[in-house]
Amino acid sequence: MYIIPAIDIIDGKAVRLTGGDYGKMKVYHDDPLEMAKMIEAAGLERLHLVDLDGAREKRIINFKVLERIASNTNLIIDFGGGVQSDESIRLAFESGARQVTGGSVAVNNPDLFLHWLEEHGEEKIILGADVKDDRIAISGWQENSNKSIYDFLNEYIKHNVKYVISTDVSKDGYLQGPAIDLYKEITERFPALQVIASGGVSDMNDLHALNKLPLFGVIVGKALYEGIISLDELEDFN
């Protein structure tokens, strides 16, 4: 199970939200590149980079941050936020993303998402399946669709989606533990999926609990930035 630190970007700075609420934002670092370098120095290989401005505006805003991190580290970056057109996905890959996560676009424009799968391949495209009140949440979690998480995944697994990042929005940023039951259900129903869990990780015990499930990876955010989990601990776990 890969440990995948998250860096969320607003106005070029590394921030964290609570419950997806843009009104509950805390800035953790003015220079996301410095954070990325510390992550790499700890021996971690992957980074989840989210353009929160882009998610809200429905177009990539902070591609220069992606470009700087990709140019100055060897991290495998999966990028999301505002990727909703052919032009934007090209920009993400040209800026250094190794994988791109599509959430809102997979709900609102499934034909385009399937085109990306065909054009770029299943290794480069991650399905974003974020959950709020058992429904898929979109547009930086500001909106709920009418699709259930399981129906949504079932539709896309038929089209050879390989990777999925799933966040229980009600858990994200609250440091109250991850949605273990959600990930257990997803991995049992869809054993072929490479599932990345996100949201709620509060301490190392949560990581050990998630490691008992057949997950590809787990995203760690606020617990790392609040110092509850250290990079040394993540290095040892990794």
Protein backbone atom coordinates (compact mmCIF):
# COMPACT_ATOMS: atom_id res chain seq x y z
CA MET A 1 0.00 0.00 0.00
CA TYR A 2 1.55 3.27 -1.12
CA ILE A 3 1.57 6.23 1.25
CA ILE A 4 0.63 9.24 -0.90
CA PRO A 5 0.93 12.67 0.73
CA ALA A 6 -1.48 15.30 -0.56
CA ILE A 7 -0.75 18.90 -1.40
CA ASP A 8 -3.83 21.03 -2.07
CA ILE A 9 -3.28 24.38 -3.79
CA ILE A 10 -5.11 27.69 -3.50
CA ASP A 11 -3.46 30.89 -4.78
CA GLY A 12 -0.22 28.97 -5.28
CA LYS A 13 -0.02 28.00 -1.60
CA ALA A 14 -0.33 24.64 0.14
CA VAL A 15 -3.57 24.54 2.11
CA ARG A 16 -6.04 22.13 3.66
CA LEU A 17 -9.80 22.43 3.80
CA THR A 18 -12.13 20.83 6.32
CA GLY A 19 -14.98 18.82 4.83
CA GLY A 20 -14.37 20.36 1.43
CA ASP A 21 -15.42 23.78 2.75
CA TYR A 22 -13.48 26.61 1.10
CA GLY A 23 -14.48 28.78 4.04
CA LYS A 24 -12.51 26.49 6.37
CA MET A 25 -9.06 26.83 4.84
CA LYS A 26 -5.70 26.78 6.57
CA VAL A 27 -2.46 27.71 4.80
CA TYR A 28 0.41 25.35 5.67
CA HIS A 29 3.18 26.50 3.36
CA ASP A 30 3.72 29.39 0.96
CA ASP A 31 5.88 27.20 -1.31
CA PRO A 32 4.45 23.76 -2.19
CA LEU A 33 7.76 22.82 -3.86
CA GLU A 34 9.54 22.89 -0.51
CA MET A 35 6.91 20.54 0.90
CA ALA A 36 7.29 18.23 -2.10
CA LYS A 37 11.06 18.12 -1.60
CA MET A 38 10.60 17.10 2.05
CA ILE A 39 8.21 14.36 0.96
CA GLU A 40 10.73 13.05 -1.56
CA ALA A 41 13.57 13.25 0.97
CA ALA A 42 11.57 10.94 3.24
CA GLY A 43 11.73 8.25 0.58
CA LEU A 44 8.10 8.55 -0.53
CA GLU A 45 7.51 8.11 -4.24
CA ARG A 46 4.08 9.56 -4.94
CA LEU A 47 2.26 12.85 -4.54
CA HIS A 48 -1.43 13.73 -4.84
CA LEU A 49 -1.58 17.33 -6.08
CA VAL A 50 -4.95 19.08 -6.20
CA ASP A 51 -5.69 22.45 -7.76
CA LEU A 52 -8.56 23.62 -5.56
CA ASP A 53 -8.84 26.87 -7.47
CA GLY A 54 -9.18 24.81 -10.61
CA ALA A 55 -11.80 22.53 -9.10
CA ARG A 56 -13.92 25.55 -8.26
CA GLU A 57 -13.35 27.35 -11.57
CA LYS A 58 -13.66 24.17 -13.69
CA ARG A 59 -10.32 24.83 -15.39
CA ILE A 60 -6.70 24.36 -14.35
CA ILE A 61 -5.37 27.42 -12.53
CA ASN A 62 -2.22 26.35 -10.68
CA PHE A 63 -0.38 24.47 -13.45
CA LYS A 64 2.82 26.41 -12.69
CA VAL A 65 2.94 24.77 -9.26
CA LEU A 66 2.66 21.37 -10.90
CA GLU A 67 5.38 22.34 -13.36
CA ARG A 68 7.78 23.42 -10.61
CA ILE A 69 7.30 20.30 -8.53
CA ALA A 70 7.59 17.97 -11.52
CA SER A 71 10.73 19.74 -12.74
CA ASN A 72 12.49 19.73 -9.37
CA THR A 73 11.57 16.32 -7.93
CA ASN A 74 11.20 12.74 -9.16
CA LEU A 75 7.83 12.27 -7.47
CA ILE A 76 5.11 10.44 -9.36
CA ILE A 77 2.43 13.12 -9.37
CA ASP A 78 -1.25 12.47 -9.82
CA PHE A 79 -2.99 15.75 -10.51
CA GLY A 80 -6.61 16.77 -10.16
CA GLY A 81 -8.76 19.85 -10.02
CA GLY A 82 -10.23 21.62 -13.01
CA VAL A 83 -9.34 18.95 -15.57
CA GLN A 84 -12.49 19.07 -17.65
CA SER A 85 -11.39 19.41 -21.29
CA ASP A 86 -8.91 17.98 -23.78
CA GLU A 87 -6.95 21.19 -23.52
CA SER A 88 -6.72 20.97 -19.73
CA ILE A 89 -5.61 17.34 -19.65
CA ARG A 90 -2.91 18.12 -22.21
CA LEU A 91 -1.80 21.03 -20.01
CA ALA A 92 -1.64 18.75 -16.96
CA PHE A 93 0.52 16.16 -18.71
CA GLU A 94 2.71 18.80 -20.38
CA SER A 95 3.24 20.37 -16.95
CA GLY A 96 4.56 17.11 -15.55
CA ALA A 97 1.66 15.07 -14.20
CA ARG A 98 2.20 11.33 -14.51
CA GLN A 99 -1.46 10.60 -13.83
CA VAL A 100 -4.57 12.75 -13.96
CA THR A 101 -7.65 12.34 -11.79
CA GLY A 102 -11.04 13.07 -13.31
CA GLY A 103 -14.01 13.34 -10.97
CA SER A 104 -16.54 15.96 -12.04
CA VAL A 105 -15.87 15.28 -15.71
CA ALA A 106 -16.56 11.57 -15.24
CA VAL A 107 -20.02 12.51 -13.94
CA ASN A 108 -20.87 15.40 -16.24
CA ASN A 109 -19.15 14.28 -19.43
CA PRO A 110 -18.58 10.51 -19.39
CA ASP A 111 -17.88 10.39 -23.13
CA LEU A 112 -14.93 12.72 -22.66
CA PHE A 113 -13.60 10.72 -19.71
CA LEU A 114 -13.83 7.50 -21.73
CA HIS A 115 -12.03 9.24 -24.60
CA TRP A 116 -9.20 10.07 -22.20
CA LEU A 117 -9.02 6.45 -21.10
CA GLU A 118 -8.70 5.36 -24.70
CA GLU A 119 -6.25 8.08 -25.71
CA HIS A 120 -3.95 8.08 -22.68
CA GLY A 121 -4.42 4.55 -21.33
CA GLU A 122 -5.66 3.13 -18.05
CA GLU A 123 -2.32 3.68 -16.29
CA LYS A 124 -2.53 7.47 -16.67
CA ILE A 125 -6.18 8.15 -15.88
CA ILE A 126 -7.57 7.90 -12.34
CA LEU A 127 -11.30 7.95 -11.67
CA GLY A 128 -12.23 10.35 -8.88
CA ALA A 129 -15.12 8.86 -6.91
CA ASP A 130 -15.72 11.14 -3.94
CA VAL A 131 -18.67 10.45 -1.70
CA LYS A 132 -21.01 12.74 0.21
CA ASP A 133 -24.18 11.28 1.73
CA ASP A 134 -23.67 8.09 -0.35
CA ARG A 135 -23.66 10.12 -3.58
CA ILE A 136 -20.83 11.19 -5.84
CA ALA A 137 -19.63 14.71 -4.99
CA ILE A 138 -18.30 16.97 -7.76
CA SER A 139 -16.91 20.49 -8.44
CA GLY A 140 -14.50 20.52 -5.53
CA TRP A 141 -17.20 18.83 -3.40
CA GLN A 142 -19.44 21.86 -3.75
CA GLU A 143 -22.14 19.84 -5.54
CA ASN A 144 -23.70 16.40 -5.18
CA SER A 145 -24.69 14.30 -8.17
CA ASN A 146 -27.55 11.83 -8.07
CA LYS A 147 -25.26 8.85 -8.63
CA SER A 148 -24.53 6.28 -5.94
CA ILE A 149 -20.86 5.40 -5.46
CA TYR A 150 -21.37 1.75 -6.36
CA ASP A 151 -23.42 2.38 -9.51
CA PHE A 152 -20.83 4.93 -10.57
CA LEU A 153 -17.91 2.53 -10.13
CA ASN A 154 -19.81 -0.29 -11.80
CA GLU A 155 -20.34 1.84 -14.91
CA TYR A 156 -16.68 2.64 -15.29
CA ILE A 157 -15.19 -0.71 -14.43
CA LYS A 158 -16.96 -2.00 -17.53
CA HIS A 159 -14.75 0.39 -19.50
CA ASN A 160 -11.50 -0.88 -17.95
CA VAL A 161 -10.90 1.85 -15.39
CA LYS A 162 -8.00 0.60 -13.30
CA TYR A 163 -7.39 3.29 -10.64
CA VAL A 164 -9.87 5.07 -8.42
CA ILE A 165 -9.40 7.64 -5.65
CA SER A 166 -12.33 7.73 -3.27
CA THR A 167 -12.79 10.29 -0.52
CA ASP A 168 -15.59 10.29 2.02
CA VAL A 169 -16.08 14.06 2.14
CA SER A 170 -17.64 13.87 5.59
CA LYS A 171 -14.33 12.49 6.90
CA ASP A 172 -11.89 14.71 5.08
CA GLY A 173 -10.00 17.16 7.26
CA TYR A 174 -11.66 16.17 10.51
CA LEU A 175 -8.96 13.76 11.75
CA GLN A 176 -11.62 11.34 12.97
CA GLY A 177 -10.55 8.23 11.10
CA PRO A 178 -11.08 6.99 7.53
CA ALA A 179 -14.19 5.37 6.08
CA ILE A 180 -12.97 1.80 6.58
CA ASP A 181 -16.38 0.28 5.80
CA LEU A 182 -16.59 2.20 2.52
CA TYR A 183 -13.23 0.93 1.30
CA LYS A 184 -13.94 -2.59 2.49
CA GLU A 185 -17.17 -2.57 0.47
CA ILE A 186 -15.52 -1.11 -2.63
CA THR A 187 -12.63 -3.59 -2.62
CA GLU A 188 -14.96 -6.53 -2.05
CA ARG A 189 -17.35 -5.50 -4.85
CA PHE A 190 -14.64 -4.50 -7.31
CA PRO A 191 -11.52 -6.58 -6.59
CA ALA A 192 -9.89 -5.63 -9.90
CA LEU A 193 -9.80 -1.91 -9.01
CA GLN A 194 -6.64 -0.30 -7.67
CA VAL A 195 -8.29 1.69 -4.89
CA ILE A 196 -6.70 4.73 -3.26
CA ALA A 197 -8.33 5.72 0.02
CA SER A 198 -8.50 9.38 0.98
CA GLY A 199 -9.85 11.37 3.89
CA GLY A 200 -9.90 11.09 7.66
CA VAL A 201 -6.49 9.54 8.38
CA SER A 202 -5.74 10.77 11.88
CA ASP A 203 -2.77 8.71 13.10
CA MET A 204 -0.58 5.71 12.33
CA ASN A 205 -3.21 3.33 13.70
CA ASP A 206 -5.48 4.35 10.85
CA LEU A 207 -2.77 3.48 8.34
CA HIS A 208 -2.27 0.08 9.91
CA ALA A 209 -6.03 -0.53 9.78
CA LEU A 210 -6.20 0.47 6.09
CA ASN A 211 -3.18 -1.71 5.35
CA LYS A 212 -5.30 -4.75 6.20
CA LEU A 213 -7.44 -4.02 3.14
CA PRO A 214 -6.29 -4.73 -0.44
CA LEU A 215 -5.73 -1.06 -1.24
CA PHE A 216 -3.28 0.36 -3.79
CA GLY A 217 -2.63 3.39 -1.66
CA VAL A 218 -3.80 5.85 0.95
CA ILE A 219 -3.63 9.63 0.81
CA VAL A 220 -2.38 11.43 3.91
CA GLY A 221 -3.03 15.13 4.34
CA LYS A 222 -4.00 17.07 7.42
CA ALA A 223 -2.51 14.63 9.95
CA LEU A 224 0.87 15.14 8.29
CA TYR A 225 0.63 18.92 8.22
CA GLU A 226 -0.60 19.14 11.80
CA GLY A 227 2.38 17.04 12.94
CA ILE A 228 0.27 14.15 14.23
CA ILE A 229 2.01 11.88 11.73
CA SER A 230 5.63 12.63 10.88
CA LEU A 231 7.46 12.07 7.63
CA ASP A 232 9.87 9.81 9.57
CA GLU A 233 6.94 7.62 10.59
CA LEU A 234 5.69 7.48 7.02
CA GLU A 235 9.17 6.57 5.82
CA ASP A 236 9.36 3.72 8.34
CA PHE A 237 5.87 2.51 7.43
CA ASN A 238 6.68 2.68 3.74
